[in-house]
Amino acid sequence: YSLLTEVSVGRLFAAGVGPGLLLFALVSVYIGVRCWFQPELGPAL
């Protein structure tokens, strides 16, 4: 993307950290909430 658009690849790398952590949090919350109400989907050890 940096090569095609001539934007700074360093800035682009830095910009990916926050959204990556946001998606991790959203997916984790989804799994946790769903398994809390439906424990058979992801039983604890």
Full PDB file with SEQRES, HELIX, SHEET, SSBOND, CRYST1, ORIGX, SCALE, CONECT and MASTER records, all heavy atoms in Angstrom:
SEQRES   1 A   45  TYR SER LEU LEU THR GLU VAL SER VAL GLY ARG LEU PHE          
SEQRES   2 A   45  ALA ALA GLY VAL GLY PRO GLY LEU LEU LEU PHE ALA LEU          
SEQRES   3 A   45  VAL SER VAL TYR ILE GLY VAL ARG CYS TRP PHE GLN PRO          
SEQRES   4 A   45  GLU LEU GLY PRO ALA LEU                                      
HELIX    1 AA1 SER A    2  THR A    5  1                                   4    
HELIX    2 AA2 VAL A    9  PHE A   37  1                                  29    
HELIX    3 AA3 PRO A   39  LEU A   41  5                                   3    
CRYST1    1.000    1.000    1.000  90.00  90.00  90.00 P 1           1          
ORIGX1      1.000000  0.000000  0.000000        0.00000                         
ORIGX2      0.000000  1.000000  0.000000        0.00000                         
ORIGX3      0.000000  0.000000  1.000000        0.00000                         
SCALE1      1.000000  0.000000  0.000000        0.00000                         
SCALE2      0.000000  1.000000  0.000000        0.00000                         
SCALE3      0.000000  0.000000  1.000000        0.00000                         
ATOM      1  N   TYR A   1       0.839  -1.201   0.000  1.00  0.00           N  
ATOM      2  CA  TYR A   1       0.000   0.000   0.000  1.00  0.00           C  
ATOM      3  C   TYR A   1       0.874   1.251   0.000  1.00  0.00           C  
ATOM      4  O   TYR A   1       0.607   2.224  -0.714  1.00  0.00           O  
ATOM      5  CB  TYR A   1      -0.907  -0.013   1.226  1.00  0.00           C  
ATOM      6  CG  TYR A   1      -1.856   1.170   1.304  1.00  0.00           C  
ATOM      7  CD1 TYR A   1      -3.131   1.104   0.755  1.00  0.00           C  
ATOM      8  CD2 TYR A   1      -1.473   2.361   1.936  1.00  0.00           C  
ATOM      9  CE1 TYR A   1      -4.001   2.188   0.831  1.00  0.00           C  
ATOM     10  CE2 TYR A   1      -2.335   3.446   2.005  1.00  0.00           C  
ATOM     11  CZ  TYR A   1      -3.593   3.348   1.459  1.00  0.00           C  
ATOM     12  OH  TYR A   1      -4.443   4.430   1.513  1.00  0.00           O  
ATOM     13  N   SER A   2       1.931   1.225   0.795  1.00  0.00           N  
ATOM     14  CA  SER A   2       2.853   2.370   0.859  1.00  0.00           C  
ATOM     15  C   SER A   2       3.521   2.614  -0.490  1.00  0.00           C  
ATOM     16  O   SER A   2       3.654   3.758  -0.932  1.00  0.00           O  
ATOM     17  CB  SER A   2       3.909   2.122   1.936  1.00  0.00           C  
ATOM     18  OG  SER A   2       4.932   3.084   1.887  1.00  0.00           O  
ATOM     19  N   LEU A   3       3.930   1.536  -1.154  1.00  0.00           N  
ATOM     20  CA  LEU A   3       4.589   1.683  -2.455  1.00  0.00           C  
ATOM     21  C   LEU A   3       3.644   2.240  -3.512  1.00  0.00           C  
ATOM     22  O   LEU A   3       4.040   3.048  -4.356  1.00  0.00           O  
ATOM     23  CB  LEU A   3       5.135   0.327  -2.920  1.00  0.00           C  
ATOM     24  CG  LEU A   3       6.342  -0.214  -2.150  1.00  0.00           C  
ATOM     25  CD1 LEU A   3       6.592  -1.674  -2.513  1.00  0.00           C  
ATOM     26  CD2 LEU A   3       7.583   0.626  -2.449  1.00  0.00           C  
ATOM     27  N   LEU A   4       2.386   1.831  -3.453  1.00  0.00           N  
ATOM     28  CA  LEU A   4       1.423   2.261  -4.466  1.00  0.00           C  
ATOM     29  C   LEU A   4       0.892   3.670  -4.219  1.00  0.00           C  
ATOM     30  O   LEU A   4       0.517   4.365  -5.157  1.00  0.00           O  
ATOM     31  CB  LEU A   4       0.248   1.276  -4.518  1.00  0.00           C  
ATOM     32  CG  LEU A   4       0.577  -0.132  -5.037  1.00  0.00           C  
ATOM     33  CD1 LEU A   4      -0.605  -1.059  -4.820  1.00  0.00           C  
ATOM     34  CD2 LEU A   4       0.959  -0.097  -6.497  1.00  0.00           C  
ATOM     35  N   THR A   5       0.851   4.081  -2.947  1.00  0.00           N  
ATOM     36  CA  THR A   5       0.256   5.381  -2.611  1.00  0.00           C  
ATOM     37  C   THR A   5       1.294   6.419  -2.210  1.00  0.00           C  
ATOM     38  O   THR A   5       0.955   7.591  -2.051  1.00  0.00           O  
ATOM     39  CB  THR A   5      -0.742   5.226  -1.456  1.00  0.00           C  
ATOM     40  OG1 THR A   5      -0.055   4.726  -0.298  1.00  0.00           O  
ATOM     41  CG2 THR A   5      -1.858   4.263  -1.828  1.00  0.00           C  
ATOM     42  N   GLU A   6       2.540   5.966  -2.004  1.00  0.00           N  
ATOM     43  CA  GLU A   6       3.643   6.848  -1.626  1.00  0.00           C  
ATOM     44  C   GLU A   6       3.417   7.514  -0.272  1.00  0.00           C  
ATOM     45  O   GLU A   6       3.883   8.623  -0.016  1.00  0.00           O  
ATOM     46  CB  GLU A   6       3.887   7.908  -2.707  1.00  0.00           C  
ATOM     47  CG  GLU A   6       4.269   7.298  -4.053  1.00  0.00           C  
ATOM     48  CD  GLU A   6       4.540   8.353  -5.124  1.00  0.00           C  
ATOM     49  OE1 GLU A   6       4.300   9.543  -4.857  1.00  0.00           O  
ATOM     50  OE2 GLU A   6       4.991   7.969  -6.206  1.00  0.00           O  
ATOM     51  N   VAL A   7       2.698   6.831   0.637  1.00  0.00           N  
ATOM     52  CA  VAL A   7       2.594   7.300   2.012  1.00  0.00           C  
ATOM     53  C   VAL A   7       3.697   6.639   2.832  1.00  0.00           C  
ATOM     54  O   VAL A   7       4.307   5.656   2.404  1.00  0.00           O  
ATOM     55  CB  VAL A   7       1.213   6.979   2.623  1.00  0.00           C  
ATOM     56  CG1 VAL A   7       0.108   7.624   1.824  1.00  0.00           C  
ATOM     57  CG2 VAL A   7       0.991   5.467   2.728  1.00  0.00           C  
ATOM     58  N   SER A   8       3.949   7.167   4.019  1.00  0.00           N  
ATOM     59  CA  SER A   8       5.008   6.634   4.881  1.00  0.00           C  
ATOM     60  C   SER A   8       4.619   5.260   5.416  1.00  0.00           C  
ATOM     61  O   SER A   8       3.570   5.106   6.058  1.00  0.00           O  
ATOM     62  CB  SER A   8       5.256   7.589   6.049  1.00  0.00           C  
ATOM     63  OG  SER A   8       6.003   6.968   7.066  1.00  0.00           O  
ATOM     64  N   VAL A   9       5.456   4.270   5.161  1.00  0.00           N  
ATOM     65  CA  VAL A   9       5.159   2.926   5.668  1.00  0.00           C  
ATOM     66  C   VAL A   9       5.302   2.886   7.188  1.00  0.00           C  
ATOM     67  O   VAL A   9       4.592   2.137   7.871  1.00  0.00           O  
ATOM     68  CB  VAL A   9       6.074   1.879   4.984  1.00  0.00           C  
ATOM     69  CG1 VAL A   9       7.520   2.029   5.416  1.00  0.00           C  
ATOM     70  CG2 VAL A   9       5.589   0.463   5.297  1.00  0.00           C  
ATOM     71  N   GLY A  10       6.180   3.720   7.747  1.00  0.00           N  
ATOM     72  CA  GLY A  10       6.303   3.783   9.201  1.00  0.00           C  
ATOM     73  C   GLY A  10       5.030   4.287   9.853  1.00  0.00           C  
ATOM     74  O   GLY A  10       4.566   3.735  10.861  1.00  0.00           O  
ATOM     75  N   ARG A  11       4.443   5.354   9.297  1.00  0.00           N  
ATOM     76  CA  ARG A  11       3.171   5.873   9.820  1.00  0.00           C  
ATOM     77  C   ARG A  11       2.057   4.832   9.672  1.00  0.00           C  
ATOM     78  O   ARG A  11       1.207   4.681  10.550  1.00  0.00           O  
ATOM     79  CB  ARG A  11       2.775   7.156   9.091  1.00  0.00           C  
ATOM     80  CG  ARG A  11       3.615   8.371   9.436  1.00  0.00           C  
ATOM     81  CD  ARG A  11       3.117   9.605   8.685  1.00  0.00           C  
ATOM     82  NE  ARG A  11       1.775   9.968   9.098  1.00  0.00           N  
ATOM     83  CZ  ARG A  11       1.487  10.780  10.113  1.00  0.00           C  
ATOM     84  NH1 ARG A  11       2.479  11.323  10.801  1.00  0.00           N  
ATOM     85  NH2 ARG A  11       0.248  11.056  10.430  1.00  0.00           N  
ATOM     86  N   LEU A  12       2.074   4.120   8.552  1.00  0.00           N  
ATOM     87  CA  LEU A  12       1.056   3.102   8.315  1.00  0.00           C  
ATOM     88  C   LEU A  12       1.188   1.964   9.329  1.00  0.00           C  
ATOM     89  O   LEU A  12       0.184   1.464   9.848  1.00  0.00           O  
ATOM     90  CB  LEU A  12       1.189   2.578   6.883  1.00  0.00           C  
ATOM     91  CG  LEU A  12      -0.041   1.929   6.252  1.00  0.00           C  
ATOM     92  CD1 LEU A  12      -1.236   2.875   6.284  1.00  0.00           C  
ATOM     93  CD2 LEU A  12       0.261   1.511   4.831  1.00  0.00           C  
ATOM     94  N   PHE A  13       2.419   1.548   9.597  1.00  0.00           N  
ATOM     95  CA  PHE A  13       2.641   0.517  10.610  1.00  0.00           C  
ATOM     96  C   PHE A  13       2.102   0.970  11.967  1.00  0.00           C  
ATOM     97  O   PHE A  13       1.412   0.222  12.670  1.00  0.00           O  
ATOM     98  CB  PHE A  13       4.135   0.214  10.736  1.00  0.00           C  
ATOM     99  CG  PHE A  13       4.649  -0.754   9.696  1.00  0.00           C  
ATOM    100  CD1 PHE A  13       3.830  -1.259   8.712  1.00  0.00           C  
ATOM    101  CD2 PHE A  13       5.977  -1.166   9.708  1.00  0.00           C  
ATOM    102  CE1 PHE A  13       4.301  -2.151   7.754  1.00  0.00           C  
ATOM    103  CE2 PHE A  13       6.471  -2.059   8.775  1.00  0.00           C  
ATOM    104  CZ  PHE A  13       5.626  -2.546   7.792  1.00  0.00           C  
ATOM    105  N   ALA A  14       2.433   2.213  12.342  1.00  0.00           N  
ATOM    106  CA  ALA A  14       1.975   2.730  13.635  1.00  0.00           C  
ATOM    107  C   ALA A  14       0.453   2.802  13.688  1.00  0.00           C  
ATOM    108  O   ALA A  14      -0.159   2.537  14.732  1.00  0.00           O  
ATOM    109  CB  ALA A  14       2.584   4.112  13.887  1.00  0.00           C  
ATOM    110  N   ALA A  15      -0.165   3.126  12.566  1.00  0.00           N  
ATOM    111  CA  ALA A  15      -1.620   3.251  12.524  1.00  0.00           C  
ATOM    112  C   ALA A  15      -2.328   1.908  12.668  1.00  0.00           C  
ATOM    113  O   ALA A  15      -3.500   1.861  13.043  1.00  0.00           O  
ATOM    114  CB  ALA A  15      -2.054   3.920  11.221  1.00  0.00           C  
ATOM    115  N   GLY A  16      -1.646   0.815  12.384  1.00  0.00           N  
ATOM    116  CA  GLY A  16      -2.280  -0.494  12.463  1.00  0.00           C  
ATOM    117  C   GLY A  16      -2.371  -1.061  13.867  1.00  0.00           C  
ATOM    118  O   GLY A  16      -3.149  -1.988  14.115  1.00  0.00           O  
ATOM    119  N   VAL A  17      -1.605  -0.504  14.806  1.00  0.00           N  
ATOM    120  CA  VAL A  17      -1.558  -1.073  16.159  1.00  0.00           C  
ATOM    121  C   VAL A  17      -2.892  -0.908  16.876  1.00  0.00           C  
ATOM    122  O   VAL A  17      -3.474  -1.874  17.389  1.00  0.00           O  
ATOM    123  CB  VAL A  17      -0.426  -0.415  16.979  1.00  0.00           C  
ATOM    124  CG1 VAL A  17      -0.468  -0.912  18.423  1.00  0.00           C  
ATOM    125  CG2 VAL A  17       0.928  -0.710  16.354  1.00  0.00           C  
ATOM    126  N   GLY A  18      -3.420   0.326  16.931  1.00  0.00           N  
ATOM    127  CA  GLY A  18      -4.677   0.576  17.635  1.00  0.00           C  
ATOM    128  C   GLY A  18      -5.845  -0.221  17.084  1.00  0.00           C  
ATOM    129  O   GLY A  18      -6.555  -0.905  17.846  1.00  0.00           O  
ATOM    130  N   PRO A  19      -6.088  -0.183  15.766  1.00  0.00           N  
ATOM    131  CA  PRO A  19      -7.179  -0.996  15.210  1.00  0.00           C  
ATOM    132  C   PRO A  19      -6.991  -2.494  15.443  1.00  0.00           C  
ATOM    133  O   PRO A  19      -7.968  -3.209  15.670  1.00  0.00           O  
ATOM    134  CB  PRO A  19      -7.122  -0.661  13.713  1.00  0.00           C  
ATOM    135  CG  PRO A  19      -6.565   0.719  13.663  1.00  0.00           C  
ATOM    136  CD  PRO A  19      -5.547   0.756  14.766  1.00  0.00           C  
ATOM    137  N   GLY A  20      -5.732  -2.976  15.390  1.00  0.00           N  
ATOM    138  CA  GLY A  20      -5.498  -4.390  15.644  1.00  0.00           C  
ATOM    139  C   GLY A  20      -5.892  -4.782  17.058  1.00  0.00           C  
ATOM    140  O   GLY A  20      -6.552  -5.813  17.280  1.00  0.00           O  
ATOM    141  N   LEU A  21      -5.516  -3.960  18.031  1.00  0.00           N  
ATOM    142  CA  LEU A  21      -5.893  -4.232  19.426  1.00  0.00           C  
ATOM    143  C   LEU A  21      -7.394  -4.081  19.631  1.00  0.00           C  
ATOM    144  O   LEU A  21      -8.005  -4.822  20.419  1.00  0.00           O  
ATOM    145  CB  LEU A  21      -5.127  -3.296  20.361  1.00  0.00           C  
ATOM    146  CG  LEU A  21      -3.600  -3.484  20.376  1.00  0.00           C  
ATOM    147  CD1 LEU A  21      -2.949  -2.458  21.296  1.00  0.00           C  
ATOM    148  CD2 LEU A  21      -3.225  -4.900  20.796  1.00  0.00           C  
ATOM    149  N   LEU A  22      -8.011  -3.112  18.924  1.00  0.00           N  
ATOM    150  CA  LEU A  22      -9.463  -2.948  19.013  1.00  0.00           C  
ATOM    151  C   LEU A  22     -10.186  -4.203  18.533  1.00  0.00           C  
ATOM    152  O   LEU A  22     -11.108  -4.700  19.199  1.00  0.00           O  
ATOM    153  CB  LEU A  22      -9.897  -1.743  18.173  1.00  0.00           C  
ATOM    154  CG  LEU A  22     -11.414  -1.579  17.985  1.00  0.00           C  
ATOM    155  CD1 LEU A  22     -12.088  -1.218  19.302  1.00  0.00           C  
ATOM    156  CD2 LEU A  22     -11.724  -0.519  16.922  1.00  0.00           C  
ATOM    157  N   LEU A  23      -9.767  -4.746  17.386  1.00  0.00           N  
ATOM    158  CA  LEU A  23     -10.421  -5.950  16.861  1.00  0.00           C  
ATOM    159  C   LEU A  23     -10.201  -7.134  17.789  1.00  0.00           C  
ATOM    160  O   LEU A  23     -11.105  -7.960  17.976  1.00  0.00           O  
ATOM    161  CB  LEU A  23      -9.901  -6.257  15.459  1.00  0.00           C  
ATOM    162  CG  LEU A  23     -10.280  -5.256  14.366  1.00  0.00           C  
ATOM    163  CD1 LEU A  23      -9.760  -5.715  13.014  1.00  0.00           C  
ATOM    164  CD2 LEU A  23     -11.790  -5.056  14.303  1.00  0.00           C  
ATOM    165  N   PHE A  24      -8.999  -7.235  18.377  1.00  0.00           N  
ATOM    166  CA  PHE A  24      -8.754  -8.307  19.357  1.00  0.00           C  
ATOM    167  C   PHE A  24      -9.710  -8.182  20.534  1.00  0.00           C  
ATOM    168  O   PHE A  24     -10.296  -9.180  20.985  1.00  0.00           O  
ATOM    169  CB  PHE A  24      -7.304  -8.256  19.838  1.00  0.00           C  
ATOM    170  CG  PHE A  24      -7.055  -9.064  21.086  1.00  0.00           C  
ATOM    171  CD1 PHE A  24      -7.163 -10.446  21.068  1.00  0.00           C  
ATOM    172  CD2 PHE A  24      -6.748  -8.440  22.282  1.00  0.00           C  
ATOM    173  CE1 PHE A  24      -6.950 -11.206  22.218  1.00  0.00           C  
ATOM    174  CE2 PHE A  24      -6.536  -9.175  23.436  1.00  0.00           C  
ATOM    175  CZ  PHE A  24      -6.639 -10.563  23.404  1.00  0.00           C  
ATOM    176  N   ALA A  25      -9.900  -6.965  21.039  1.00  0.00           N  
ATOM    177  CA  ALA A  25     -10.800  -6.756  22.172  1.00  0.00           C  
ATOM    178  C   ALA A  25     -12.236  -7.096  21.794  1.00  0.00           C  
ATOM    179  O   ALA A  25     -12.950  -7.763  22.563  1.00  0.00           O  
ATOM    180  CB  ALA A  25     -10.700  -5.304  22.651  1.00  0.00           C  
ATOM    181  N   LEU A  26     -12.685  -6.657  20.613  1.00  0.00           N  
ATOM    182  CA  LEU A  26     -14.064  -6.923  20.190  1.00  0.00           C  
ATOM    183  C   LEU A  26     -14.322  -8.412  20.029  1.00  0.00           C  
ATOM    184  O   LEU A  26     -15.353  -8.932  20.482  1.00  0.00           O  
ATOM    185  CB  LEU A  26     -14.356  -6.192  18.884  1.00  0.00           C  
ATOM    186  CG  LEU A  26     -14.430  -4.655  18.941  1.00  0.00           C  
ATOM    187  CD1 LEU A  26     -14.611  -4.078  17.537  1.00  0.00           C  
ATOM    188  CD2 LEU A  26     -15.560  -4.195  19.855  1.00  0.00           C  
ATOM    189  N   VAL A  27     -13.387  -9.111  19.382  1.00  0.00           N  
ATOM    190  CA  VAL A  27     -13.559 -10.555  19.176  1.00  0.00           C  
ATOM    191  C   VAL A  27     -13.526 -11.290  20.512  1.00  0.00           C  
ATOM    192  O   VAL A  27     -14.321 -12.215  20.755  1.00  0.00           O  
ATOM    193  CB  VAL A  27     -12.467 -11.092  18.226  1.00  0.00           C  
ATOM    194  CG1 VAL A  27     -12.470 -12.615  18.215  1.00  0.00           C  
ATOM    195  CG2 VAL A  27     -12.689 -10.574  16.817  1.00  0.00           C  
ATOM    196  N   SER A  28     -12.621 -10.892  21.413  1.00  0.00           N  
ATOM    197  CA  SER A  28     -12.525 -11.537  22.729  1.00  0.00           C  
ATOM    198  C   SER A  28     -13.806 -11.326  23.534  1.00  0.00           C  
ATOM    199  O   SER A  28     -14.304 -12.253  24.193  1.00  0.00           O  
ATOM    200  CB  SER A  28     -11.328 -10.986  23.504  1.00  0.00           C  
ATOM    201  OG  SER A  28     -10.125 -11.257  22.820  1.00  0.00           O  
ATOM    202  N   VAL A  29     -14.338 -10.108  23.497  1.00  0.00           N  
ATOM    203  CA  VAL A  29     -15.593  -9.823  24.214  1.00  0.00           C  
ATOM    204  C   VAL A  29     -16.732 -10.660  23.634  1.00  0.00           C  
ATOM    205  O   VAL A  29     -17.544 -11.231  24.382  1.00  0.00           O  
ATOM    206  CB  VAL A  29     -15.922  -8.313  24.139  1.00  0.00           C  
ATOM    207  CG1 VAL A  29     -17.356  -8.058  24.614  1.00  0.00           C  
ATOM    208  CG2 VAL A  29     -14.935  -7.515  24.978  1.00  0.00           C  
ATOM    209  N   TYR A  30     -16.775 -10.762  22.303  1.00  0.00           N  
ATOM    210  CA  TYR A  30     -17.821 -11.572  21.679  1.00  0.00           C  
ATOM    211  C   TYR A  30     -17.738 -13.019  22.153  1.00  0.00           C  
ATOM    212  O   TYR A  30     -18.749 -13.619  22.546  1.00  0.00           O  
ATOM    213  CB  TYR A  30     -17.696 -11.512  20.153  1.00  0.00           C  
ATOM    214  CG  TYR A  30     -18.457 -12.612  19.453  1.00  0.00           C  
ATOM    215  CD1 TYR A  30     -19.847 -12.577  19.371  1.00  0.00           C  
ATOM    216  CD2 TYR A  30     -17.789 -13.717  18.921  1.00  0.00           C  
ATOM    217  CE1 TYR A  30     -20.559 -13.595  18.757  1.00  0.00           C  
ATOM    218  CE2 TYR A  30     -18.485 -14.741  18.304  1.00  0.00           C  
ATOM    219  CZ  TYR A  30     -19.868 -14.676  18.228  1.00  0.00           C  
ATOM    220  OH  TYR A  30     -20.563 -15.706  17.636  1.00  0.00           O  
ATOM    221  N   ILE A  31     -16.533 -13.594  22.112  1.00  0.00           N  
ATOM    222  CA  ILE A  31     -16.369 -14.996  22.536  1.00  0.00           C  
ATOM    223  C   ILE A  31     -16.726 -15.145  24.009  1.00  0.00           C  
ATOM    224  O   ILE A  31     -17.444 -16.065  24.410  1.00  0.00           O  
ATOM    225  CB  ILE A  31     -14.923 -15.470  22.282  1.00  0.00           C  
ATOM    226  CG1 ILE A  31     -14.635 -15.498  20.777  1.00  0.00           C  
ATOM    227  CG2 ILE A  31     -14.689 -16.849  22.899  1.00  0.00           C  
ATOM    228  CD1 ILE A  31     -13.177 -15.769  20.449  1.00  0.00           C  
ATOM    229  N   GLY A  32     -16.203 -14.226  24.858  1.00  0.00           N  
ATOM    230  CA  GLY A  32     -16.436 -14.325  26.296  1.00  0.00           C  
ATOM    231  C   GLY A  32     -17.905 -14.204  26.655  1.00  0.00           C  
ATOM    232  O   GLY A  32     -18.428 -14.993  27.463  1.00  0.00           O  
ATOM    233  N   VAL A  33     -18.598 -13.232  26.075  1.00  0.00           N  
ATOM    234  CA  VAL A  33     -20.015 -13.019  26.396  1.00  0.00           C  
ATOM    235  C   VAL A  33     -20.851 -14.191  25.906  1.00  0.00           C  
ATOM    236  O   VAL A  33     -21.739 -14.691  26.633  1.00  0.00           O  
ATOM    237  CB  VAL A  33     -20.505 -11.698  25.764  1.00  0.00           C  
ATOM    238  CG1 VAL A  33     -22.030 -11.583  25.856  1.00  0.00           C  
ATOM    239  CG2 VAL A  33     -19.840 -10.503  26.437  1.00  0.00           C  
ATOM    240  N   ARG A  34     -20.567 -14.649  24.700  1.00  0.00           N  
ATOM    241  CA  ARG A  34     -21.375 -15.744  24.164  1.00  0.00           C  
ATOM    242  C   ARG A  34     -21.168 -17.029  24.976  1.00  0.00           C  
ATOM    243  O   ARG A  34     -22.129 -17.759  25.241  1.00  0.00           O  
ATOM    244  CB  ARG A  34     -21.021 -15.983  22.699  1.00  0.00           C  
ATOM    245  CG  ARG A  34     -21.998 -16.921  22.033  1.00  0.00           C  
ATOM    246  CD  ARG A  34     -21.860 -16.993  20.549  1.00  0.00           C  
ATOM    247  NE  ARG A  34     -22.847 -17.915  20.005  1.00  0.00           N  
ATOM    248  CZ  ARG A  34     -22.807 -18.413  18.786  1.00  0.00           C  
ATOM    249  NH1 ARG A  34     -21.843 -18.038  17.951  1.00  0.00           N  
ATOM    250  NH2 ARG A  34     -23.728 -19.260  18.374  1.00  0.00           N  
ATOM    251  N   CYS A  35     -19.921 -17.298  25.365  1.00  0.00           N  
ATOM    252  CA  CYS A  35     -19.656 -18.511  26.147  1.00  0.00           C  
ATOM    253  C   CYS A  35     -20.149 -18.381  27.586  1.00  0.00           C  
ATOM    254  O   CYS A  35     -20.402 -19.392  28.246  1.00  0.00           O  
ATOM    255  CB  CYS A  35     -18.161 -18.833  26.134  1.00  0.00           C  
ATOM    256  SG  CYS A  35     -17.548 -19.395  24.534  1.00  0.00           S  
ATOM    257  N   TRP A  36     -20.274 -17.166  28.077  1.00  0.00           N  
ATOM    258  CA  TRP A  36     -20.820 -16.979  29.423  1.00  0.00           C  
ATOM    259  C   TRP A  36     -22.300 -17.374  29.451  1.00  0.00           C  
ATOM    260  O   TRP A  36     -22.757 -18.030  30.385  1.00  0.00           O  
ATOM    261  CB  TRP A  36     -20.642 -15.524  29.864  1.00  0.00           C  
ATOM    262  CG  TRP A  36     -21.234 -15.248  31.215  1.00  0.00           C  
ATOM    263  CD1 TRP A  36     -22.453 -14.717  31.513  1.00  0.00           C  
ATOM    264  CD2 TRP A  36     -20.621 -15.569  32.481  1.00  0.00           C  
ATOM    265  NE1 TRP A  36     -22.643 -14.652  32.872  1.00  0.00           N  
ATOM    266  CE2 TRP A  36     -21.531 -15.171  33.489  1.00  0.00           C  
ATOM    267  CE3 TRP A  36     -19.399 -16.125  32.835  1.00  0.00           C  
ATOM    268  CZ2 TRP A  36     -21.248 -15.320  34.834  1.00  0.00           C  
ATOM    269  CZ3 TRP A  36     -19.112 -16.272  34.190  1.00  0.00           C  
ATOM    270  CH2 TRP A  36     -20.030 -15.875  35.169  1.00  0.00           C  
ATOM    271  N   PHE A  37     -23.045 -16.968  28.413  1.00  0.00           N  
ATOM    272  CA  PHE A  37     -24.467 -17.293  28.358  1.00  0.00           C  
ATOM    273  C   PHE A  37     -24.724 -18.672  27.766  1.00  0.00           C  
ATOM    274  O   PHE A  37     -25.782 -19.262  28.012  1.00  0.00           O  
ATOM    275  CB  PHE A  37     -25.212 -16.231  27.540  1.00  0.00           C  
ATOM    276  CG  PHE A  37     -25.315 -14.903  28.234  1.00  0.00           C  
ATOM    277  CD1 PHE A  37     -24.510 -13.838  27.863  1.00  0.00           C  
ATOM    278  CD2 PHE A  37     -26.202 -14.721  29.286  1.00  0.00           C  
ATOM    279  CE1 PHE A  37     -24.599 -12.612  28.503  1.00  0.00           C  
ATOM    280  CE2 PHE A  37     -26.296 -13.506  29.948  1.00  0.00           C  
ATOM    281  CZ  PHE A  37     -25.494 -12.440  29.561  1.00  0.00           C  
ATOM    282  N   GLN A  38     -23.765 -19.192  26.972  1.00  0.00           N  
ATOM    283  CA  GLN A  38     -23.894 -20.534  26.408  1.00  0.00           C  
ATOM    284  C   GLN A  38     -22.617 -21.321  26.709  1.00  0.00           C  
ATOM    285  O   GLN A  38     -21.782 -21.549  25.831  1.00  0.00           O  
ATOM    286  CB  GLN A  38     -24.123 -20.464  24.894  1.00  0.00           C  
ATOM    287  CG  GLN A  38     -25.413 -19.765  24.478  1.00  0.00           C  
ATOM    288  CD  GLN A  38     -25.533 -19.635  22.963  1.00  0.00           C  
ATOM    289  OE1 GLN A  38     -24.919 -18.759  22.358  1.00  0.00           O  
ATOM    290  NE2 GLN A  38     -26.327 -20.521  22.358  1.00  0.00           N  
ATOM    291  N   PRO A  39     -22.440 -21.740  27.962  1.00  0.00           N  
ATOM    292  CA  PRO A  39     -21.181 -22.377  28.371  1.00  0.00           C  
ATOM    293  C   PRO A  39     -20.846 -23.653  27.609  1.00  0.00           C  
ATOM    294  O   PRO A  39     -19.681 -24.047  27.543  1.00  0.00           O  
ATOM    295  CB  PRO A  39     -21.392 -22.665  29.871  1.00  0.00           C  
ATOM    296  CG  PRO A  39     -22.873 -22.606  30.073  1.00  0.00           C  
ATOM    297  CD  PRO A  39     -23.394 -21.632  29.064  1.00  0.00           C  
ATOM    298  N   GLU A  40     -21.836 -24.266  26.986  1.00  0.00           N  
ATOM    299  CA  GLU A  40     -21.566 -25.488  26.232  1.00  0.00           C  
ATOM    300  C   GLU A  40     -20.754 -25.206  24.967  1.00  0.00           C  
ATOM    301  O   GLU A  40     -20.154 -26.128  24.394  1.00  0.00           O  
ATOM    302  CB  GLU A  40     -22.874 -26.197  25.866  1.00  0.00           C  
ATOM    303  CG  GLU A  40     -23.740 -25.499  24.825  1.00  0.00           C  
ATOM    304  CD  GLU A  40     -24.617 -24.378  25.392  1.00  0.00           C  
ATOM    305  OE1 GLU A  40     -24.490 -24.105  26.602  1.00  0.00           O  
ATOM    306  OE2 GLU A  40     -25.408 -23.811  24.628  1.00  0.00           O  
ATOM    307  N   LEU A  41     -20.722 -23.945  24.521  1.00  0.00           N  
ATOM    308  CA  LEU A  41     -19.957 -23.602  23.325  1.00  0.00           C  
ATOM    309  C   LEU A  41     -18.454 -23.587  23.585  1.00  0.00           C  
ATOM    310  O   LEU A  41     -17.666 -23.871  22.685  1.00  0.00           O  
ATOM    311  CB  LEU A  41     -20.387 -22.229  22.784  1.00  0.00           C  
ATOM    312  CG  LEU A  41     -21.841 -22.082  22.329  1.00  0.00           C  
ATOM    313  CD1 LEU A  41     -22.074 -20.679  21.793  1.00  0.00           C  
ATOM    314  CD2 LEU A  41     -22.173 -23.125  21.266  1.00  0.00           C  
ATOM    315  N   GLY A  42     -18.065 -23.229  24.821  1.00  0.00           N  
ATOM    316  CA  GLY A  42     -16.639 -23.154  25.153  1.00  0.00           C  
ATOM    317  C   GLY A  42     -16.426 -23.501  26.614  1.00  0.00           C  
ATOM    318  O   GLY A  42     -16.118 -22.609  27.425  1.00  0.00           O  
ATOM    319  N   PRO A  43     -16.575 -24.762  26.981  1.00  0.00           N  
ATOM    320  CA  PRO A  43     -16.497 -25.139  28.401  1.00  0.00           C  
ATOM    321  C   PRO A  43     -15.112 -24.881  28.992  1.00  0.00           C  
ATOM    322  O   PRO A  43     -14.093 -25.034  28.327  1.00  0.00           O  
ATOM    323  CB  PRO A  43     -16.827 -26.637  28.377  1.00  0.00           C  
ATOM    324  CG  PRO A  43     -16.499 -27.087  26.989  1.00  0.00           C  
ATOM    325  CD  PRO A  43     -16.795 -25.922  26.099  1.00  0.00           C  
ATOM    326  N   ALA A  44     -15.105 -24.477  30.265  1.00  0.00           N  
ATOM    327  CA  ALA A  44     -13.844 -24.269  30.977  1.00  0.00           C  
ATOM    328  C   ALA A  44     -13.237 -25.627  31.349  1.00  0.00           C  
ATOM    329  O   ALA A  44     -13.931 -26.648  31.444  1.00  0.00           O  
ATOM    330  CB  ALA A  44     -14.088 -23.452  32.239  1.00  0.00           C  
ATOM    331  N   LEU A  45     -11.926 -25.641  31.549  1.00  0.00           N  
ATOM    332  CA  LEU A  45     -11.266 -26.872  31.990  1.00  0.00           C  
ATOM    333  C   LEU A  45     -11.763 -27.264  33.376  1.00  0.00           C  
ATOM    334  O   LEU A  45     -12.004 -26.394  34.217  1.00  0.00           O  
ATOM    335  CB  LEU A  45      -9.753 -26.674  32.046  1.00  0.00           C  
ATOM    336  CG  LEU A  45      -9.007 -26.491  30.717  1.00  0.00           C  
ATOM    337  CD1 LEU A  45      -7.525 -26.241  30.996  1.00  0.00           C  
ATOM    338  CD2 LEU A  45      -9.163 -27.709  29.837  1.00  0.00           C  
TER     339      LEU A  45                                                      
MASTER        0    0    0    3    0    0    0    6  338    1    0    4          
END                                                                             
